[in-house]
Amino acid sequence: TCTDPIPISVDDQDVQFSDVTIAEDGTTYVTWAQIEGELEFEPQVFTIKMRVAPPGSTTFGPERVVAVEELAIPFGGFLHANDFRVATYPKNEVKTRGDESRAFVVWDACSVRPLDTVCEEPVIKLTYSDDQGVNWSTPKVISAGGDNYFPAIADGQKKLAVAWFTNRYDPLFHNRQDVELVELDSSGEVTDRHRLTRPSNESEADPILGGFFIGDYIELDIESGRAYVGYNANYRHVELLGEGFPIPQQDNYLKRVRL
């Protein structure tokens, strides 16, 4: 049995990338990005927002502004060394400590944005709130150089982790991609880093999609001290529709990491 659709971003004219978390106590957290400037063909600003509903309720409280990102990866823009579709994608997670809950939000943003469309050295940012989105910590960068995009976040009973795509292991061209995972403490400080992919993936290798599309296909879950990361890459070699030589093509992968 489902409710009728419930409007969340009521007054925003241009929105994308909703993400939902149900905390251990049943509280529901929803985040999304309001995009300003896209419809007006002006430099784009992403305002990340949150609304919260009490346990067992579908009545959401007021909008809370998580962060205003003036250097978002814009719709219609590109990473400086890749051509696939990409845009700033915020995601949220909630960590419960006794009777207290801390809401985390992560997103990707450019370090600089020449011509307002070329995204150079995007970083992964993190912020948290202890009062259901009323106040937020100063955003901190948790990536470690290079180009980083499409973060995913998950909480286990003991560990909080964030995974994303990165091009930082291609220091010359910033083109080939890897998947990186970091472990965080409850204050959002990085305690360990894991490179999950070797060798680096060539995102342009698919014979049909080329460099146009990789999708934001990355997700993360933690269970019994292990992180499971789902992502897409072009490692598997198969014949194209049963013809020709086995060549790399886009596929989905799962990596398991002990935390």
Protein backbone atom coordinates (compact mmCIF):
# COMPACT_ATOMS: atom_id res chain seq x y z
CA THR A 1 0.00 0.00 0.00
CA CYS A 2 1.53 3.30 -1.10
CA THR A 3 0.65 6.91 -0.42
CA ASP A 4 -0.04 9.35 -3.21
CA PRO A 5 3.13 11.15 -4.38
CA ILE A 6 4.28 13.64 -1.74
CA PRO A 7 5.77 16.92 -3.03
CA ILE A 8 9.19 17.51 -1.46
CA SER A 9 10.89 20.27 -3.48
CA VAL A 10 7.69 22.29 -3.55
CA ASP A 11 8.83 25.70 -4.82
CA ASP A 12 12.03 24.81 -6.71
CA GLN A 13 11.77 25.18 -10.48
CA ASP A 14 14.76 23.03 -11.47
CA VAL A 15 15.77 20.08 -9.30
CA GLN A 16 17.72 16.83 -9.57
CA PHE A 17 19.22 13.93 -7.64
CA SER A 18 16.97 13.15 -4.69
CA ASP A 19 18.37 10.74 -2.11
CA VAL A 20 16.59 9.19 0.88
CA THR A 21 17.74 7.63 4.16
CA ILE A 22 15.62 6.06 6.89
CA ALA A 23 17.52 6.28 10.17
CA GLU A 24 17.50 3.55 12.81
CA ASP A 25 14.76 5.36 14.73
CA GLY A 26 12.55 5.60 11.62
CA THR A 27 13.21 9.27 10.85
CA THR A 28 13.23 9.91 7.10
CA TYR A 29 15.80 12.24 5.53
CA VAL A 30 15.54 13.43 1.91
CA THR A 31 18.12 15.56 0.11
CA TRP A 32 18.12 17.01 -3.40
CA ALA A 33 19.79 19.74 -5.46
CA GLN A 34 18.08 22.91 -6.61
CA ILE A 35 19.79 24.14 -9.79
CA GLU A 36 19.93 27.85 -10.51
CA GLY A 37 21.20 29.18 -13.81
CA GLU A 38 20.58 26.15 -16.04
CA LEU A 39 17.26 27.31 -17.44
CA GLU A 40 18.57 30.87 -17.79
CA PHE A 41 21.79 29.75 -19.56
CA GLU A 42 23.84 31.37 -16.81
CA PRO A 43 26.60 30.00 -14.53
CA GLN A 44 25.00 27.22 -12.51
CA VAL A 45 24.74 27.15 -8.72
CA PHE A 46 23.53 24.04 -6.90
CA THR A 47 21.77 24.56 -3.57
CA ILE A 48 21.68 21.26 -1.67
CA LYS A 49 18.59 20.95 0.51
CA MET A 50 17.11 18.56 3.07
CA ARG A 51 13.71 17.81 4.55
CA VAL A 52 13.02 15.47 7.46
CA ALA A 53 9.93 13.51 8.52
CA PRO A 54 9.49 12.08 12.06
CA PRO A 55 9.44 8.32 12.63
CA GLY A 56 6.41 6.68 11.05
CA SER A 57 5.27 9.93 9.44
CA THR A 58 5.06 11.17 5.86
CA THR A 59 4.70 14.78 6.95
CA PHE A 60 7.98 16.51 6.20
CA GLY A 61 9.34 19.52 8.02
CA PRO A 62 10.62 22.73 6.41
CA GLU A 63 13.37 22.91 3.81
CA ARG A 64 16.87 23.18 5.25
CA VAL A 65 19.81 24.41 3.18
CA VAL A 66 22.75 22.01 3.48
CA ALA A 67 25.16 23.99 1.31
CA VAL A 68 25.24 26.40 -1.61
CA GLU A 69 27.72 25.07 -4.16
CA GLU A 70 28.82 27.80 -6.55
CA LEU A 71 31.35 25.54 -8.31
CA ALA A 72 29.05 22.59 -8.94
CA ILE A 73 29.77 20.27 -11.85
CA PRO A 74 27.14 21.85 -14.12
CA PHE A 75 24.58 20.21 -16.38
CA GLY A 76 25.94 20.50 -19.90
CA GLY A 77 29.50 20.78 -18.60
CA PHE A 78 32.34 18.27 -18.62
CA LEU A 79 35.33 17.14 -16.66
CA HIS A 80 38.41 18.60 -18.31
CA ALA A 81 39.65 15.22 -19.63
CA ASN A 82 36.42 13.22 -20.07
CA ASP A 83 33.33 13.63 -22.23
CA PHE A 84 30.74 11.57 -20.33
CA ARG A 85 27.68 13.19 -18.79
CA VAL A 86 28.34 14.27 -15.24
CA ALA A 87 26.87 16.68 -12.67
CA THR A 88 27.13 17.31 -8.94
CA TYR A 89 25.22 14.54 -7.15
CA PRO A 90 24.62 14.90 -3.37
CA LYS A 91 23.85 11.85 -1.21
CA ASN A 92 23.08 11.47 2.48
CA GLU A 93 23.47 8.99 5.34
CA VAL A 94 22.57 9.05 9.04
CA LYS A 95 24.76 7.68 11.83
CA THR A 96 23.08 6.95 15.15
CA ARG A 97 25.00 7.14 18.45
CA GLY A 98 22.73 6.21 21.34
CA ASP A 99 19.89 8.74 21.34
CA GLU A 100 21.76 11.09 19.00
CA SER A 101 21.73 11.07 15.20
CA ARG A 102 24.23 12.76 12.90
CA ALA A 103 23.19 13.36 9.29
CA PHE A 104 26.00 13.40 6.72
CA VAL A 105 25.82 14.76 3.16
CA VAL A 106 28.51 14.29 0.51
CA TRP A 107 28.79 15.83 -2.95
CA ASP A 108 31.26 16.59 -5.72
CA ALA A 109 32.34 20.09 -6.79
CA CYS A 110 34.93 21.66 -9.09
CA SER A 111 38.09 23.28 -7.76
CA VAL A 112 37.92 25.76 -10.63
CA ARG A 113 35.43 26.06 -13.51
CA PRO A 114 36.85 27.80 -16.60
CA LEU A 115 34.21 29.07 -19.03
CA ASP A 116 31.66 27.99 -16.36
CA THR A 117 31.43 24.58 -18.07
CA VAL A 118 34.88 22.96 -17.79
CA CYS A 119 35.31 21.28 -14.40
CA GLU A 120 38.90 20.96 -13.22
CA GLU A 121 40.08 18.90 -10.25
CA PRO A 122 36.64 18.17 -8.74
CA VAL A 123 36.74 17.25 -5.06
CA ILE A 124 34.46 15.30 -2.73
CA LYS A 125 33.00 17.41 0.08
CA LEU A 126 31.33 16.32 3.32
CA THR A 127 29.27 18.11 5.94
CA TYR A 128 27.14 16.94 8.88
CA SER A 129 24.28 18.11 11.08
CA ASP A 130 23.35 17.09 14.62
CA ASP A 131 19.95 18.83 14.61
CA GLN A 132 18.19 17.35 11.56
CA GLY A 133 19.53 19.89 9.12
CA VAL A 134 19.05 23.15 11.00
CA ASN A 135 22.81 23.74 11.32
CA TRP A 136 25.67 22.24 9.32
CA SER A 137 29.40 21.87 9.87
CA THR A 138 31.84 23.68 7.58
CA PRO A 139 32.23 21.45 4.49
CA LYS A 140 35.52 19.56 4.38
CA VAL A 141 37.27 17.96 1.41
CA ILE A 142 37.78 14.21 1.89
CA SER A 143 39.30 13.38 -1.51
CA ALA A 144 43.06 13.41 -2.03
CA GLY A 145 43.77 15.19 -5.29
CA GLY A 146 42.98 14.60 -8.95
CA ASP A 147 39.45 14.46 -10.35
CA ASN A 148 36.75 12.94 -8.12
CA TYR A 149 33.04 12.53 -8.84
CA PHE A 150 29.81 10.62 -8.09
CA PRO A 151 30.18 9.88 -4.35
CA ALA A 152 28.17 7.29 -2.43
CA ILE A 153 27.98 7.06 1.38
CA ALA A 154 26.96 4.31 3.81
CA ASP A 155 27.08 3.64 7.54
CA GLY A 156 27.79 0.40 9.35
CA GLN A 157 27.49 -0.07 13.09
CA LYS A 158 31.16 0.80 13.55
CA LYS A 159 32.25 2.36 10.27
CA LEU A 160 31.15 5.19 8.01
CA ALA A 161 32.45 5.01 4.45
CA VAL A 162 32.32 7.00 1.22
CA ALA A 163 33.20 5.68 -2.25
CA TRP A 164 33.56 7.54 -5.55
CA PHE A 165 35.16 7.50 -8.97
CA THR A 166 38.57 9.15 -9.20
CA ASN A 167 41.05 9.93 -11.98
CA ARG A 168 43.89 10.72 -9.58
CA TYR A 169 45.82 7.56 -10.46
CA ASP A 170 46.24 8.94 -13.99
CA PRO A 171 48.39 11.95 -13.04
CA LEU A 172 49.39 12.80 -16.61
CA PHE A 173 46.04 12.88 -18.44
CA HIS A 174 43.42 12.69 -15.64
CA ASN A 175 41.40 10.44 -17.92
CA ARG A 176 41.38 6.82 -16.74
CA GLN A 177 39.25 6.15 -13.70
CA ASP A 178 39.38 4.12 -10.52
CA VAL A 179 37.07 3.56 -7.58
CA GLU A 180 38.28 4.80 -4.21
CA LEU A 181 36.80 4.19 -0.77
CA VAL A 182 37.58 6.03 2.46
CA GLU A 183 36.73 5.08 6.02
CA LEU A 184 35.58 7.92 8.28
CA ASP A 185 35.15 8.43 11.99
CA SER A 186 32.00 9.95 13.45
CA SER A 187 33.33 13.48 12.91
CA GLY A 188 33.93 12.87 9.23
CA GLU A 189 37.72 12.60 9.44
CA VAL A 190 39.33 10.14 7.03
CA THR A 191 40.95 7.22 8.88
CA ASP A 192 41.87 4.97 5.94
CA ARG A 193 41.86 4.92 2.13
CA HIS A 194 41.39 2.00 -0.28
CA ARG A 195 41.99 1.87 -4.01
CA LEU A 196 39.47 -0.72 -5.20
CA THR A 197 40.38 -1.04 -8.88
CA ARG A 198 43.56 -2.18 -10.66
CA PRO A 199 44.32 -1.53 -13.43
CA SER A 200 42.56 1.77 -14.00
CA ASN A 201 39.43 1.63 -16.17
CA GLU A 202 39.30 3.27 -19.58
CA SER A 203 35.90 4.91 -19.50
CA GLU A 204 35.85 5.50 -23.28
CA ALA A 205 36.43 1.87 -24.28
CA ASP A 206 32.80 0.85 -24.88
CA PRO A 207 32.31 0.53 -28.68
CA ILE A 208 28.76 1.88 -28.64
CA LEU A 209 28.74 4.45 -25.86
CA GLY A 210 32.34 5.60 -26.26
CA GLY A 211 33.02 8.50 -23.93
CA PHE A 212 29.45 9.78 -23.93
CA PHE A 213 27.98 7.87 -20.99
CA ILE A 214 29.21 5.94 -17.98
CA GLY A 215 26.23 6.60 -15.72
CA ASP A 216 26.38 7.53 -12.05
CA TYR A 217 26.30 3.81 -11.33
CA ILE A 218 28.04 3.62 -8.00
CA GLU A 219 26.51 2.55 -4.70
CA LEU A 220 27.80 1.46 -1.34
CA ASP A 221 26.54 -0.62 1.56
CA ILE A 222 28.16 -1.93 4.75
CA GLU A 223 27.26 -5.21 6.40
CA SER A 224 29.09 -7.15 9.13
CA GLY A 225 32.29 -5.16 8.81
CA ARG A 226 32.45 -5.41 5.03
CA ALA A 227 31.80 -2.68 2.47
CA TYR A 228 30.14 -3.67 -0.80
CA VAL A 229 30.71 -1.24 -3.65
CA GLY A 230 28.78 -1.53 -6.91
CA TYR A 231 30.17 0.36 -9.91
CA ASN A 232 30.44 0.24 -13.69
CA ALA A 233 33.58 -0.28 -15.79
CA ASN A 234 34.77 -1.66 -19.12
CA TYR A 235 36.94 -4.56 -17.94
CA ARG A 236 35.00 -7.49 -19.41
CA HIS A 237 35.89 -8.45 -23.01
CA VAL A 238 33.06 -9.86 -25.11
CA GLU A 239 32.14 -9.93 -28.78
CA LEU A 240 29.92 -7.03 -29.80
CA LEU A 241 26.47 -8.56 -30.30
CA GLY A 242 28.17 -11.86 -31.14
CA GLU A 243 30.40 -10.40 -33.86
CA GLY A 244 34.09 -9.59 -34.18
CA PHE A 245 36.78 -9.86 -31.52
CA PRO A 246 36.21 -9.82 -27.73
CA ILE A 247 36.61 -6.16 -26.77
CA PRO A 248 36.02 -4.14 -23.56
CA GLN A 249 32.41 -3.19 -22.92
CA GLN A 250 30.55 -1.46 -20.12
CA ASP A 251 29.35 -3.73 -17.34
CA ASN A 252 28.46 -3.69 -13.63
CA TYR A 253 30.86 -4.90 -10.92
CA LEU A 254 30.77 -5.53 -7.19
CA LYS A 255 33.78 -5.14 -4.90
CA ARG A 256 33.89 -6.37 -1.30
CA VAL A 257 36.25 -4.72 1.18
CA ARG A 258 36.85 -5.62 4.83
CA LEU A 259 36.81 -2.49 6.98
